[in-house]
C-alpha atoms as a PDB file:
ATOM      1  CA  UNK A   1      11.499   9.601 -15.320  1.00  0.00           C
ATOM      2  CA  UNK A   2       9.211   6.763 -14.208  1.00  0.00           C
ATOM      3  CA  UNK A   3       5.432   7.222 -14.078  1.00  0.00           C
ATOM      4  CA  UNK A   4       5.631   6.772 -10.304  1.00  0.00           C
ATOM      5  CA  UNK A   5       8.149   9.581  -9.919  1.00  0.00           C
ATOM      6  CA  UNK A   6       6.193  11.865 -12.237  1.00  0.00           C
ATOM      7  CA  UNK A   7       2.998  11.287 -10.270  1.00  0.00           C
ATOM      8  CA  UNK A   8       4.738  12.113  -7.023  1.00  0.00           C
ATOM      9  CA  UNK A   9       6.219  15.377  -8.212  1.00  0.00           C
ATOM     10  CA  UNK A  10       2.988  16.503  -9.851  1.00  0.00           C
ATOM     11  CA  UNK A  11       0.862  15.596  -6.866  1.00  0.00           C
ATOM     12  CA  UNK A  12       3.172  16.250  -3.949  1.00  0.00           C
ATOM     13  CA  UNK A  13       1.567  19.567  -3.008  1.00  0.00           C
ATOM     14  CA  UNK A  14      -1.874  17.994  -3.065  1.00  0.00           C
ATOM     15  CA  UNK A  15      -0.571  15.074  -1.049  1.00  0.00           C
ATOM     16  CA  UNK A  16       0.827  17.419   1.536  1.00  0.00           C
ATOM     17  CA  UNK A  17      -2.527  19.146   1.823  1.00  0.00           C
ATOM     18  CA  UNK A  18      -4.063  15.714   2.325  1.00  0.00           C
ATOM     19  CA  UNK A  19      -1.633  15.075   5.181  1.00  0.00           C
ATOM     20  CA  UNK A  20      -2.699  18.335   6.784  1.00  0.00           C
ATOM     21  CA  UNK A  21      -6.333  17.304   6.403  1.00  0.00           C
ATOM     22  CA  UNK A  22      -5.525  13.843   7.759  1.00  0.00           C
ATOM     23  CA  UNK A  23      -3.948  15.297  10.883  1.00  0.00           C
ATOM     24  CA  UNK A  24      -6.326  18.194  11.456  1.00  0.00           C
ATOM     25  CA  UNK A  25      -9.398  15.992  11.153  1.00  0.00           C
ATOM     26  CA  UNK A  26      -8.217  14.012  14.126  1.00  0.00           C
ATOM     27  CA  UNK A  27      -8.178  16.555  16.942  1.00  0.00           C
ATOM     28  CA  UNK A  28      -8.897  15.112  20.405  1.00  0.00           C
ATOM     29  CA  UNK A  29     -12.582  14.463  20.859  1.00  0.00           C
ATOM     30  CA  UNK A  30     -14.607  15.547  23.824  1.00  0.00           C
ATOM     31  CA  UNK A  31     -13.944  13.159  26.673  1.00  0.00           C
ATOM     32  CA  UNK A  32     -10.668  11.873  25.163  1.00  0.00           C
ATOM     33  CA  UNK A  33      -7.654  12.832  27.262  1.00  0.00           C
ATOM     34  CA  UNK A  34      -5.319  15.169  25.428  1.00  0.00           C
ATOM     35  CA  UNK A  35      -2.366  13.445  27.085  1.00  0.00           C
ATOM     36  CA  UNK A  36      -3.076   9.759  27.838  1.00  0.00           C
ATOM     37  CA  UNK A  37       0.201   9.364  29.685  1.00  0.00           C
ATOM     38  CA  UNK A  38       2.235  12.267  31.006  1.00  0.00           C
ATOM     39  CA  UNK A  39       5.370  10.174  30.621  1.00  0.00           C
ATOM     40  CA  UNK A  40       4.861  10.217  26.860  1.00  0.00           C
ATOM     41  CA  UNK A  41       5.085  13.999  26.576  1.00  0.00           C
ATOM     42  CA  UNK A  42       7.989  14.774  24.200  1.00  0.00           C
ATOM     43  CA  UNK A  43      11.057  15.800  26.197  1.00  0.00           C
ATOM     44  CA  UNK A  44      12.599  19.184  25.468  1.00  0.00           C
ATOM     45  CA  UNK A  45      15.897  17.619  24.406  1.00  0.00           C
ATOM     46  CA  UNK A  46      14.245  15.521  21.682  1.00  0.00           C
ATOM     47  CA  UNK A  47      14.850  16.817  18.164  1.00  0.00           C
ATOM     48  CA  UNK A  48      11.777  17.946  16.254  1.00  0.00           C
ATOM     49  CA  UNK A  49      10.428  15.877  13.328  1.00  0.00           C
ATOM     50  CA  UNK A  50      11.673  18.557  10.927  1.00  0.00           C
ATOM     51  CA  UNK A  51      15.203  18.322  12.358  1.00  0.00           C
ATOM     52  CA  UNK A  52      15.235  14.587  11.636  1.00  0.00           C
ATOM     53  CA  UNK A  53      14.635  14.984   7.882  1.00  0.00           C
ATOM     54  CA  UNK A  54      17.910  14.118   6.061  1.00  0.00           C
ATOM     55  CA  UNK A  55      19.424  16.852   3.864  1.00  0.00           C
ATOM     56  CA  UNK A  56      18.877  16.626   0.125  1.00  0.00           C
ATOM     57  CA  UNK A  57      15.078  16.363   0.051  1.00  0.00           C
ATOM     58  CA  UNK A  58      13.160  17.836  -2.869  1.00  0.00           C
ATOM     59  CA  UNK A  59      10.049  18.616  -0.831  1.00  0.00           C
ATOM     60  CA  UNK A  60       9.628  19.229   2.904  1.00  0.00           C
ATOM     61  CA  UNK A  61       6.468  20.074   4.832  1.00  0.00           C
ATOM     62  CA  UNK A  62       6.253  20.783   8.559  1.00  0.00           C
ATOM     63  CA  UNK A  63       3.040  20.972  10.555  1.00  0.00           C
ATOM     64  CA  UNK A  64       2.585  22.131  14.148  1.00  0.00           C
ATOM     65  CA  UNK A  65      -0.677  20.411  15.007  1.00  0.00           C
ATOM     66  CA  UNK A  66      -0.994  21.859  18.491  1.00  0.00           C
ATOM     67  CA  UNK A  67      -0.476  25.439  17.290  1.00  0.00           C
ATOM     68  CA  UNK A  68      -3.186  25.020  14.653  1.00  0.00           C
ATOM     69  CA  UNK A  69      -5.552  23.483  17.190  1.00  0.00           C
ATOM     70  CA  UNK A  70      -5.145  26.497  19.490  1.00  0.00           C
ATOM     71  CA  UNK A  71      -5.949  29.014  16.733  1.00  0.00           C
ATOM     72  CA  UNK A  72      -9.336  30.806  16.774  1.00  0.00           C
ATOM     73  CA  UNK A  73     -10.274  29.079  13.503  1.00  0.00           C
ATOM     74  CA  UNK A  74      -8.814  25.776  14.625  1.00  0.00           C
ATOM     75  CA  UNK A  75     -12.041  24.327  15.998  1.00  0.00           C
ATOM     76  CA  UNK A  76     -13.946  25.295  12.847  1.00  0.00           C
ATOM     77  CA  UNK A  77     -11.348  23.701  10.567  1.00  0.00           C
ATOM     78  CA  UNK A  78     -11.149  20.548  12.670  1.00  0.00           C
ATOM     79  CA  UNK A  79     -14.936  20.160  12.669  1.00  0.00           C
ATOM     80  CA  UNK A  80     -15.192  20.853   8.939  1.00  0.00           C
ATOM     81  CA  UNK A  81     -12.461  18.420   7.956  1.00  0.00           C
ATOM     82  CA  UNK A  82     -13.601  15.820  10.457  1.00  0.00           C
ATOM     83  CA  UNK A  83     -17.129  15.921   9.015  1.00  0.00           C
ATOM     84  CA  UNK A  84     -15.741  15.352   5.522  1.00  0.00           C
ATOM     85  CA  UNK A  85     -13.392  12.578   6.609  1.00  0.00           C
ATOM     86  CA  UNK A  86     -16.112  10.588   8.387  1.00  0.00           C
ATOM     87  CA  UNK A  87     -15.506   7.865  10.959  1.00  0.00           C
ATOM     88  CA  UNK A  88     -11.891   6.828  11.335  1.00  0.00           C
ATOM     89  CA  UNK A  89     -11.301   3.194  10.347  1.00  0.00           C
ATOM     90  CA  UNK A  90      -7.906   3.505  11.948  1.00  0.00           C
ATOM     91  CA  UNK A  91      -9.489   4.392  15.291  1.00  0.00           C
ATOM     92  CA  UNK A  92     -11.857   1.441  15.032  1.00  0.00           C
ATOM     93  CA  UNK A  93      -9.019  -0.962  14.262  1.00  0.00           C
ATOM     94  CA  UNK A  94      -6.707   0.312  17.000  1.00  0.00           C
ATOM     95  CA  UNK A  95      -9.164   1.088  19.760  1.00  0.00           C
ATOM     96  CA  UNK A  96      -7.818   4.651  19.962  1.00  0.00           C
ATOM     97  CA  UNK A  97      -7.090   7.465  17.533  1.00  0.00           C
ATOM     98  CA  UNK A  98      -3.299   7.779  17.095  1.00  0.00           C
ATOM     99  CA  UNK A  99      -3.750  10.829  14.874  1.00  0.00           C
ATOM    100  CA  UNK A 100      -5.449  12.704  17.715  1.00  0.00           C
ATOM    101  CA  UNK A 101      -2.270  12.419  19.764  1.00  0.00           C
ATOM    102  CA  UNK A 102       0.051  14.049  17.229  1.00  0.00           C
ATOM    103  CA  UNK A 103       1.857  17.265  18.147  1.00  0.00           C
ATOM    104  CA  UNK A 104       4.230  17.856  15.221  1.00  0.00           C
ATOM    105  CA  UNK A 105       4.693  16.291  11.821  1.00  0.00           C
ATOM    106  CA  UNK A 106       7.188  16.545   8.960  1.00  0.00           C
ATOM    107  CA  UNK A 107       6.799  15.055   5.482  1.00  0.00           C
ATOM    108  CA  UNK A 108       9.597  14.807   2.924  1.00  0.00           C
ATOM    109  CA  UNK A 109      10.214  13.497  -0.599  1.00  0.00           C
ATOM    110  CA  UNK A 110      13.843  12.803  -1.636  1.00  0.00           C
ATOM    111  CA  UNK A 111      15.482  14.736  -4.424  1.00  0.00           C
ATOM    112  CA  UNK A 112      14.111  14.415  -7.950  1.00  0.00           C
ATOM    113  CA  UNK A 113      17.712  14.226  -9.179  1.00  0.00           C
ATOM    114  CA  UNK A 114      18.344  10.829  -7.576  1.00  0.00           C
ATOM    115  CA  UNK A 115      18.965   7.907  -9.899  1.00  0.00           C
ATOM    116  CA  UNK A 116      16.302   5.243 -10.376  1.00  0.00           C
ATOM    117  CA  UNK A 117      18.398   2.795  -8.360  1.00  0.00           C
ATOM    118  CA  UNK A 118      18.059   5.128  -5.359  1.00  0.00           C
ATOM    119  CA  UNK A 119      14.270   4.875  -5.300  1.00  0.00           C
ATOM    120  CA  UNK A 120      13.236   8.506  -5.977  1.00  0.00           C
ATOM    121  CA  UNK A 121       9.628   7.454  -5.344  1.00  0.00           C
ATOM    122  CA  UNK A 122      10.365   7.081  -1.607  1.00  0.00           C
ATOM    123  CA  UNK A 123       8.820   9.432   0.920  1.00  0.00           C
ATOM    124  CA  UNK A 124       9.057   9.878   4.647  1.00  0.00           C
ATOM    125  CA  UNK A 125       6.821  11.035   7.487  1.00  0.00           C
ATOM    126  CA  UNK A 126       8.171  11.762  10.964  1.00  0.00           C
ATOM    127  CA  UNK A 127       5.684  12.525  13.732  1.00  0.00           C
ATOM    128  CA  UNK A 128       6.047  13.433  17.394  1.00  0.00           C
ATOM    129  CA  UNK A 129       3.198  13.062  19.850  1.00  0.00           C
ATOM    130  CA  UNK A 130       1.719  11.574  22.980  1.00  0.00           C
ATOM    131  CA  UNK A 131       1.721   7.903  22.102  1.00  0.00           C
ATOM    132  CA  UNK A 132       3.707   4.818  23.050  1.00  0.00           C
ATOM    133  CA  UNK A 133       5.654   2.482  20.796  1.00  0.00           C
ATOM    134  CA  UNK A 134       3.497  -0.409  22.020  1.00  0.00           C
ATOM    135  CA  UNK A 135       0.282   1.374  21.003  1.00  0.00           C
ATOM    136  CA  UNK A 136       1.610   2.209  17.522  1.00  0.00           C
ATOM    137  CA  UNK A 137       3.029  -1.246  16.756  1.00  0.00           C
ATOM    138  CA  UNK A 138      -0.129  -2.969  17.968  1.00  0.00           C
ATOM    139  CA  UNK A 139      -2.209  -0.659  15.785  1.00  0.00           C
ATOM    140  CA  UNK A 140       0.040  -1.220  12.751  1.00  0.00           C
ATOM    141  CA  UNK A 141      -0.107  -5.013  13.082  1.00  0.00           C
ATOM    142  CA  UNK A 142      -3.892  -4.905  13.381  1.00  0.00           C
ATOM    143  CA  UNK A 143      -4.194  -2.721  10.269  1.00  0.00           C
ATOM    144  CA  UNK A 144      -1.915  -5.046   8.274  1.00  0.00           C
ATOM    145  CA  UNK A 145      -3.795  -8.160   9.375  1.00  0.00           C
ATOM    146  CA  UNK A 146      -7.138  -6.532   8.533  1.00  0.00           C
ATOM    147  CA  UNK A 147      -6.071  -6.084   4.897  1.00  0.00           C
ATOM    148  CA  UNK A 148      -4.876  -9.724   4.732  1.00  0.00           C
ATOM    149  CA  UNK A 149      -1.222  -8.819   5.016  1.00  0.00           C
ATOM    150  CA  UNK A 150       1.492 -10.501   7.050  1.00  0.00           C
ATOM    151  CA  UNK A 151       2.853  -8.285   9.817  1.00  0.00           C
ATOM    152  CA  UNK A 152       6.522  -8.636  10.729  1.00  0.00           C
ATOM    153  CA  UNK A 153       7.796  -6.917  13.893  1.00  0.00           C
ATOM    154  CA  UNK A 154      11.487  -6.361  14.591  1.00  0.00           C
ATOM    155  CA  UNK A 155      13.685  -4.277  16.889  1.00  0.00           C
ATOM    156  CA  UNK A 156      15.810  -1.598  15.196  1.00  0.00           C
ATOM    157  CA  UNK A 157      17.959   0.137  17.775  1.00  0.00           C
ATOM    158  CA  UNK A 158      15.628   2.013  20.121  1.00  0.00           C
ATOM    159  CA  UNK A 159      12.716   1.623  17.699  1.00  0.00           C
ATOM    160  CA  UNK A 160      10.097  -1.097  17.263  1.00  0.00           C
ATOM    161  CA  UNK A 161       9.499  -1.697  13.566  1.00  0.00           C
ATOM    162  CA  UNK A 162       6.480  -3.184  11.785  1.00  0.00           C
ATOM    163  CA  UNK A 163       6.179  -3.984   8.076  1.00  0.00           C
ATOM    164  CA  UNK A 164       3.992  -6.048   5.791  1.00  0.00           C
ATOM    165  CA  UNK A 165       5.920  -8.942   4.266  1.00  0.00           C
ATOM    166  CA  UNK A 166       3.696  -8.688   1.158  1.00  0.00           C
ATOM    167  CA  UNK A 167       4.057  -4.929   0.540  1.00  0.00           C
ATOM    168  CA  UNK A 168       6.613  -2.129   0.703  1.00  0.00           C
ATOM    169  CA  UNK A 169       6.679   0.493   3.424  1.00  0.00           C
ATOM    170  CA  UNK A 170       7.610   0.289   7.087  1.00  0.00           C
ATOM    171  CA  UNK A 171       6.708   1.883  10.411  1.00  0.00           C
ATOM    172  CA  UNK A 172       9.165   2.445  13.254  1.00  0.00           C
ATOM    173  CA  UNK A 173       8.106   3.804  16.631  1.00  0.00           C
ATOM    174  CA  UNK A 174       9.442   4.593  20.042  1.00  0.00           C
ATOM    175  CA  UNK A 175       7.598   6.396  22.816  1.00  0.00           C
ATOM    176  CA  UNK A 176       6.696   9.824  21.446  1.00  0.00           C
ATOM    177  CA  UNK A 177       8.176   9.403  17.946  1.00  0.00           C
ATOM    178  CA  UNK A 178       6.951   7.695  14.760  1.00  0.00           C
ATOM    179  CA  UNK A 179       8.590   7.171  11.356  1.00  0.00           C
ATOM    180  CA  UNK A 180       6.698   6.007   8.257  1.00  0.00           C
ATOM    181  CA  UNK A 181       8.640   5.450   5.045  1.00  0.00           C
ATOM    182  CA  UNK A 182       9.780   2.989   2.420  1.00  0.00           C
ATOM    183  CA  UNK A 183      12.860   1.816   0.580  1.00  0.00           C
ATOM    184  CA  UNK A 184      16.312   3.193   1.355  1.00  0.00           C
ATOM    185  CA  UNK A 185      14.840   6.438   2.666  1.00  0.00           C
ATOM    186  CA  UNK A 186      13.425   4.606   5.682  1.00  0.00           C
ATOM    187  CA  UNK A 187      16.968   3.707   6.779  1.00  0.00           C
ATOM    188  CA  UNK A 188      18.134   7.300   6.305  1.00  0.00           C
ATOM    189  CA  UNK A 189      15.342   8.582   8.524  1.00  0.00           C
ATOM    190  CA  UNK A 190      15.970   5.926  11.138  1.00  0.00           C
ATOM    191  CA  UNK A 191      19.706   6.654  11.206  1.00  0.00           C
ATOM    192  CA  UNK A 192      18.956  10.355  11.588  1.00  0.00           C
ATOM    193  CA  UNK A 193      16.571   9.683  14.475  1.00  0.00           C
ATOM    194  CA  UNK A 194      19.153   7.425  16.150  1.00  0.00           C
ATOM    195  CA  UNK A 195      21.886  10.016  15.690  1.00  0.00           C
ATOM    196  CA  UNK A 196      24.065   7.593  13.737  1.00  0.00           C
ATOM    197  CA  UNK A 197      24.067   9.306  10.352  1.00  0.00           C
ATOM    198  CA  UNK A 198      26.801  11.654   9.241  1.00  0.00           C
ATOM    199  CA  UNK A 199      24.090  13.840   7.725  1.00  0.00           C
ATOM    200  CA  UNK A 200      23.068  14.784  11.273  1.00  0.00           C
ATOM    201  CA  UNK A 201      25.568  17.651  11.184  1.00  0.00           C
ATOM    202  CA  UNK A 202      24.842  18.656   7.598  1.00  0.00           C
ATOM    203  CA  UNK A 203      22.621  21.602   6.784  1.00  0.00           C
ATOM    204  CA  UNK A 204      19.994  21.601   4.045  1.00  0.00           C
ATOM    205  CA  UNK A 205      20.576  25.237   3.186  1.00  0.00           C
ATOM    206  CA  UNK A 206      18.101  25.392   0.293  1.00  0.00           C
ATOM    207  CA  UNK A 207      15.100  24.599   2.486  1.00  0.00           C
ATOM    208  CA  UNK A 208      16.492  26.585   5.411  1.00  0.00           C
ATOM    209  CA  UNK A 209      16.813  29.710   3.272  1.00  0.00           C
ATOM    210  CA  UNK A 210      13.228  29.424   2.062  1.00  0.00           C
ATOM    211  CA  UNK A 211      11.951  28.929   5.617  1.00  0.00           C
ATOM    212  CA  UNK A 212      13.805  32.065   6.711  1.00  0.00           C
ATOM    213  CA  UNK A 213      12.226  34.003   3.841  1.00  0.00           C
ATOM    214  CA  UNK A 214       8.736  32.761   4.757  1.00  0.00           C
ATOM    215  CA  UNK A 215       9.072  33.381   8.476  1.00  0.00           C
ATOM    216  CA  UNK A 216       7.704  31.174  11.267  1.00  0.00           C
ATOM    217  CA  UNK A 217       4.309  29.526  10.948  1.00  0.00           C
ATOM    218  CA  UNK A 218       2.433  26.366  11.922  1.00  0.00           C
ATOM    219  CA  UNK A 219       2.369  24.972   8.369  1.00  0.00           C
ATOM    220  CA  UNK A 220       5.335  25.514   6.053  1.00  0.00           C
ATOM    221  CA  UNK A 221       6.140  23.729   2.790  1.00  0.00           C
ATOM    222  CA  UNK A 222       9.266  24.145   0.655  1.00  0.00           C
ATOM    223  CA  UNK A 223       9.916  22.558  -2.727  1.00  0.00           C
ATOM    224  CA  UNK A 224      13.272  22.603  -4.534  1.00  0.00           C
ATOM    225  CA  UNK A 225      12.339  21.848  -8.117  1.00  0.00           C
ATOM    226  CA  UNK A 226      15.786  21.058  -9.466  1.00  0.00           C
ATOM    227  CA  UNK A 227      17.295  21.872 -12.852  1.00  0.00           C
ATOM    228  CA  UNK A 228      15.153  20.733 -15.786  1.00  0.00           C
ATOM    229  CA  UNK A 229      12.242  19.734 -13.535  1.00  0.00           C
ATOM    230  CA  UNK A 230       9.541  20.942 -15.927  1.00  0.00           C
ATOM    231  CA  UNK A 231      11.094  19.178 -18.901  1.00  0.00           C
ATOM    232  CA  UNK A 232      11.059  15.907 -16.959  1.00  0.00           C
ATOM    233  CA  UNK A 233       7.450  16.350 -15.869  1.00  0.00           C
ATOM    234  CA  UNK A 234       6.137  17.584 -19.219  1.00  0.00           C
ATOM    235  CA  UNK A 235       7.961  14.862 -21.136  1.00  0.00           C
ATOM    236  CA  UNK A 236       8.598  17.174 -24.104  1.00  0.00           C
ATOM    237  CA  UNK A 237      11.820  19.116 -23.695  1.00  0.00           C
ATOM    238  CA  UNK A 238      11.283  21.468 -26.629  1.00  0.00           C
ATOM    239  CA  UNK A 239       7.772  22.582 -25.674  1.00  0.00           C
ATOM    240  CA  UNK A 240       8.554  22.635 -21.956  1.00  0.00           C
ATOM    241  CA  UNK A 241      11.258  25.245 -22.438  1.00  0.00           C
ATOM    242  CA  UNK A 242       8.667  27.553 -23.981  1.00  0.00           C
ATOM    243  CA  UNK A 243       6.471  27.406 -20.879  1.00  0.00           C
ATOM    244  CA  UNK A 244       6.875  30.188 -18.299  1.00  0.00           C
ATOM    245  CA  UNK A 245       6.766  27.490 -15.620  1.00  0.00           C
ATOM    246  CA  UNK A 246      10.171  26.219 -16.740  1.00  0.00           C
ATOM    247  CA  UNK A 247      11.621  29.346 -15.105  1.00  0.00           C
ATOM    248  CA  UNK A 248      10.540  28.225 -11.618  1.00  0.00           C
ATOM    249  CA  UNK A 249      13.349  27.098  -9.294  1.00  0.00           C
ATOM    250  CA  UNK A 250      11.556  26.786  -5.964  1.00  0.00           C
ATOM    251  CA  UNK A 251       8.028  26.978  -4.563  1.00  0.00           C
ATOM    252  CA  UNK A 252       7.390  27.594  -0.879  1.00  0.00           C
ATOM    253  CA  UNK A 253       4.358  28.413   1.217  1.00  0.00           C
ATOM    254  CA  UNK A 254       3.328  29.325   4.747  1.00  0.00           C
ATOM    255  CA  UNK A 255      -0.182  29.111   6.172  1.00  0.00           C
ATOM    256  CA  UNK A 256      -1.020  31.034   9.328  1.00  0.00           C
ATOM    257  CA  UNK A 257      -4.362  30.525  11.057  1.00  0.00           C
ATOM    258  CA  UNK A 258      -5.789  33.034  13.532  1.00  0.00           C
ATOM    259  CA  UNK A 259      -9.155  34.739  13.251  1.00  0.00           C
ATOM    260  CA  UNK A 260      -8.517  34.475   9.515  1.00  0.00           C
ATOM    261  CA  UNK A 261      -6.347  32.188   7.391  1.00  0.00           C
ATOM    262  CA  UNK A 262      -3.367  33.882   5.766  1.00  0.00           C
ATOM    263  CA  UNK A 263      -1.479  32.301   2.885  1.00  0.00           C
ATOM    264  CA  UNK A 264       1.979  33.352   1.734  1.00  0.00           C
ATOM    265  CA  UNK A 265       3.545  31.749  -1.362  1.00  0.00           C
ATOM    266  CA  UNK A 266       7.017  32.479  -2.714  1.00  0.00           C
ATOM    267  CA  UNK A 267       7.929  31.567  -6.288  1.00  0.00           C
ATOM    268  CA  UNK A 268      11.642  31.854  -7.045  1.00  0.00           C
ATOM    269  CA  UNK A 269      12.607  31.962 -10.716  1.00  0.00           C
ATOM    270  CA  UNK A 270      15.837  31.723 -12.679  1.00  0.00           C
ATOM    271  CA  UNK A 271      15.912  35.491 -13.328  1.00  0.00           C
ATOM    272  CA  UNK A 272      13.773  38.628 -13.453  1.00  0.00           C
ATOM    273  CA  UNK A 273      12.550  37.889 -16.972  1.00  0.00           C
ATOM    274  CA  UNK A 274      11.390  34.439 -15.885  1.00  0.00           C
ATOM    275  CA  UNK A 275       9.558  35.932 -12.920  1.00  0.00           C
ATOM    276  CA  UNK A 276       7.819  38.394 -15.215  1.00  0.00           C
ATOM    277  CA  UNK A 277       6.661  35.574 -17.506  1.00  0.00           C
ATOM    278  CA  UNK A 278       5.306  33.559 -14.585  1.00  0.00           C
ATOM    279  CA  UNK A 279       3.534  36.660 -13.240  1.00  0.00           C
ATOM    280  CA  UNK A 280       1.857  37.204 -16.621  1.00  0.00           C
ATOM    281  CA  UNK A 281       0.779  33.557 -16.694  1.00  0.00           C
ATOM    282  CA  UNK A 282      -0.801  33.915 -13.252  1.00  0.00           C
ATOM    283  CA  UNK A 283      -2.724  36.962 -14.446  1.00  0.00           C
ATOM    284  CA  UNK A 284      -3.974  35.040 -17.462  1.00  0.00           C
ATOM    285  CA  UNK A 285      -5.053  32.095 -15.337  1.00  0.00           C
ATOM    286  CA  UNK A 286      -6.877  34.369 -12.917  1.00  0.00           C
ATOM    287  CA  UNK A 287      -8.754  36.082 -15.768  1.00  0.00           C
ATOM    288  CA  UNK A 288      -9.636  32.732 -17.338  1.00  0.00           C
ATOM    289  CA  UNK A 289     -11.393  31.564 -14.154  1.00  0.00           C
ATOM    290  CA  UNK A 290     -14.367  33.753 -15.003  1.00  0.00           C
ATOM    291  CA  UNK A 291     -14.965  31.653 -18.119  1.00  0.00           C
ATOM    292  CA  UNK A 292     -15.565  28.536 -16.035  1.00  0.00           C
ATOM    293  CA  UNK A 293     -18.719  27.652 -14.063  1.00  0.00           C
ATOM    294  CA  UNK A 294     -17.110  28.233 -10.684  1.00  0.00           C
ATOM    295  CA  UNK A 295     -18.549  29.419  -7.404  1.00  0.00           C
ATOM    296  CA  UNK A 296     -18.552  33.246  -7.534  1.00  0.00           C
ATOM    297  CA  UNK A 297     -16.968  33.236  -4.086  1.00  0.00           C
ATOM    298  CA  UNK A 298     -13.986  31.296  -5.409  1.00  0.00           C
ATOM    299  CA  UNK A 299     -13.613  33.626  -8.389  1.00  0.00           C
ATOM    300  CA  UNK A 300     -13.686  36.571  -5.999  1.00  0.00           C
ATOM    301  CA  UNK A 301     -11.045  34.950  -3.819  1.00  0.00           C
ATOM    302  CA  UNK A 302      -8.775  34.330  -6.816  1.00  0.00           C
ATOM    303  CA  UNK A 303      -9.124  37.951  -7.910  1.00  0.00           C
ATOM    304  CA  UNK A 304      -7.864  39.083  -4.494  1.00  0.00           C
ATOM    305  CA  UNK A 305      -4.581  37.198  -4.643  1.00  0.00           C
ATOM    306  CA  UNK A 306      -1.901  39.877  -4.469  1.00  0.00           C
ATOM    307  CA  UNK A 307       1.186  39.258  -6.614  1.00  0.00           C
ATOM    308  CA  UNK A 308       4.333  41.299  -6.013  1.00  0.00           C
ATOM    309  CA  UNK A 309       7.622  40.856  -7.856  1.00  0.00           C
ATOM    310  CA  UNK A 310      11.082  41.643  -6.537  1.00  0.00           C
ATOM    311  CA  UNK A 311      13.744  40.745  -9.091  1.00  0.00           C
ATOM    312  CA  UNK A 312      13.482  36.948  -9.572  1.00  0.00           C
ATOM    313  CA  UNK A 313      11.005  36.315  -6.722  1.00  0.00           C
ATOM    314  CA  UNK A 314       7.207  36.466  -6.812  1.00  0.00           C
ATOM    315  CA  UNK A 315       5.320  36.903  -3.549  1.00  0.00           C
ATOM    316  CA  UNK A 316       1.661  35.838  -3.469  1.00  0.00           C
ATOM    317  CA  UNK A 317      -0.521  36.698  -0.480  1.00  0.00           C
ATOM    318  CA  UNK A 318      -4.148  35.971   0.347  1.00  0.00           C
ATOM    319  CA  UNK A 319      -6.325  36.279   3.453  1.00  0.00           C
ATOM    320  CA  UNK A 320      -9.547  34.313   3.941  1.00  0.00           C
ATOM    321  CA  UNK A 321     -12.332  34.772   6.465  1.00  0.00           C
ATOM    322  CA  UNK A 322     -14.261  31.789   7.808  1.00  0.00           C
ATOM    323  CA  UNK A 323     -16.975  31.860   5.123  1.00  0.00           C
ATOM    324  CA  UNK A 324     -14.412  32.051   2.312  1.00  0.00           C
ATOM    325  CA  UNK A 325     -12.348  29.312   3.901  1.00  0.00           C
ATOM    326  CA  UNK A 326     -15.459  27.150   4.050  1.00  0.00           C
ATOM    327  CA  UNK A 327     -15.988  27.610   0.295  1.00  0.00           C
ATOM    328  CA  UNK A 328     -12.389  26.663  -0.441  1.00  0.00           C
ATOM    329  CA  UNK A 329     -12.642  23.559   1.751  1.00  0.00           C
ATOM    330  CA  UNK A 330     -15.904  22.569   0.049  1.00  0.00           C
ATOM    331  CA  UNK A 331     -14.132  22.687  -3.308  1.00  0.00           C
ATOM    332  CA  UNK A 332     -10.999  20.859  -2.150  1.00  0.00           C
ATOM    333  CA  UNK A 333     -12.929  18.153  -0.331  1.00  0.00           C
ATOM    334  CA  UNK A 334     -15.566  17.714  -3.011  1.00  0.00           C
ATOM    335  CA  UNK A 335     -18.482  18.681  -0.748  1.00  0.00           C
END
């Protein structure tokens, strides 16, 4: 496994959280129209960003930005994250804030089992919102020029595409829909959005099953770890097999935000014995937190995480009030 691939699979959950922060910090500001152009409202027959993700992904995250913004804690979270993020350079470069116009977003990382020639380091983001292709392409070209790149714009089917001749990665946009990706995965996403790919009719049952188990929610993440994932990440097959974490098959999570924030995490293991070992490891980690100079609030939060086991599945639940959520965000954002 390349160092790039290892970094992605170790940091993908943190990266997904960063995407949530990136989006949530950009809620419409006072005086900014929520819908700049009614014609750009997504039509009901358009497929959602999640539906455009090709089957076979290792990691998939979906985010309903509008649902989170309407939640009782939504304004608090937006203000808190926005304060940490600071002024948006993207807004300054584009003359508007494209992130503030997002409605739904999906992020995916292709399977860890792909060969090196298939670029397993690729990723994809699909976003739906109230923006035009002209606005997005103009913004992308400005951003590329600002960093001394060379912007190239082309027409790909119904999409306008912009890329930097000097770097990898590409953006494709049409009114109400945006794709950001790189390598061969960009073409897969584009074909899916155009309805040309055979994978359009295929079902990614692994992720679908996890989403059914989690239930509906504004933020859902599912991760199919793949056989031998921990050995590849740890780099030492013999020692990795001794770790309880080697028993993990999938990790999935749902975050619901109302008057409180509720977190549900499902850990699926190879068998009941593996689930028991992972449960014991979690207990040890929770007890060890008291030995570190952590905020007492965070230690108290960790001690409240409920862990229930049913055969090979562990179910972790946690509920946070606004003050506790603030402490967690302070820690995550380095405040």
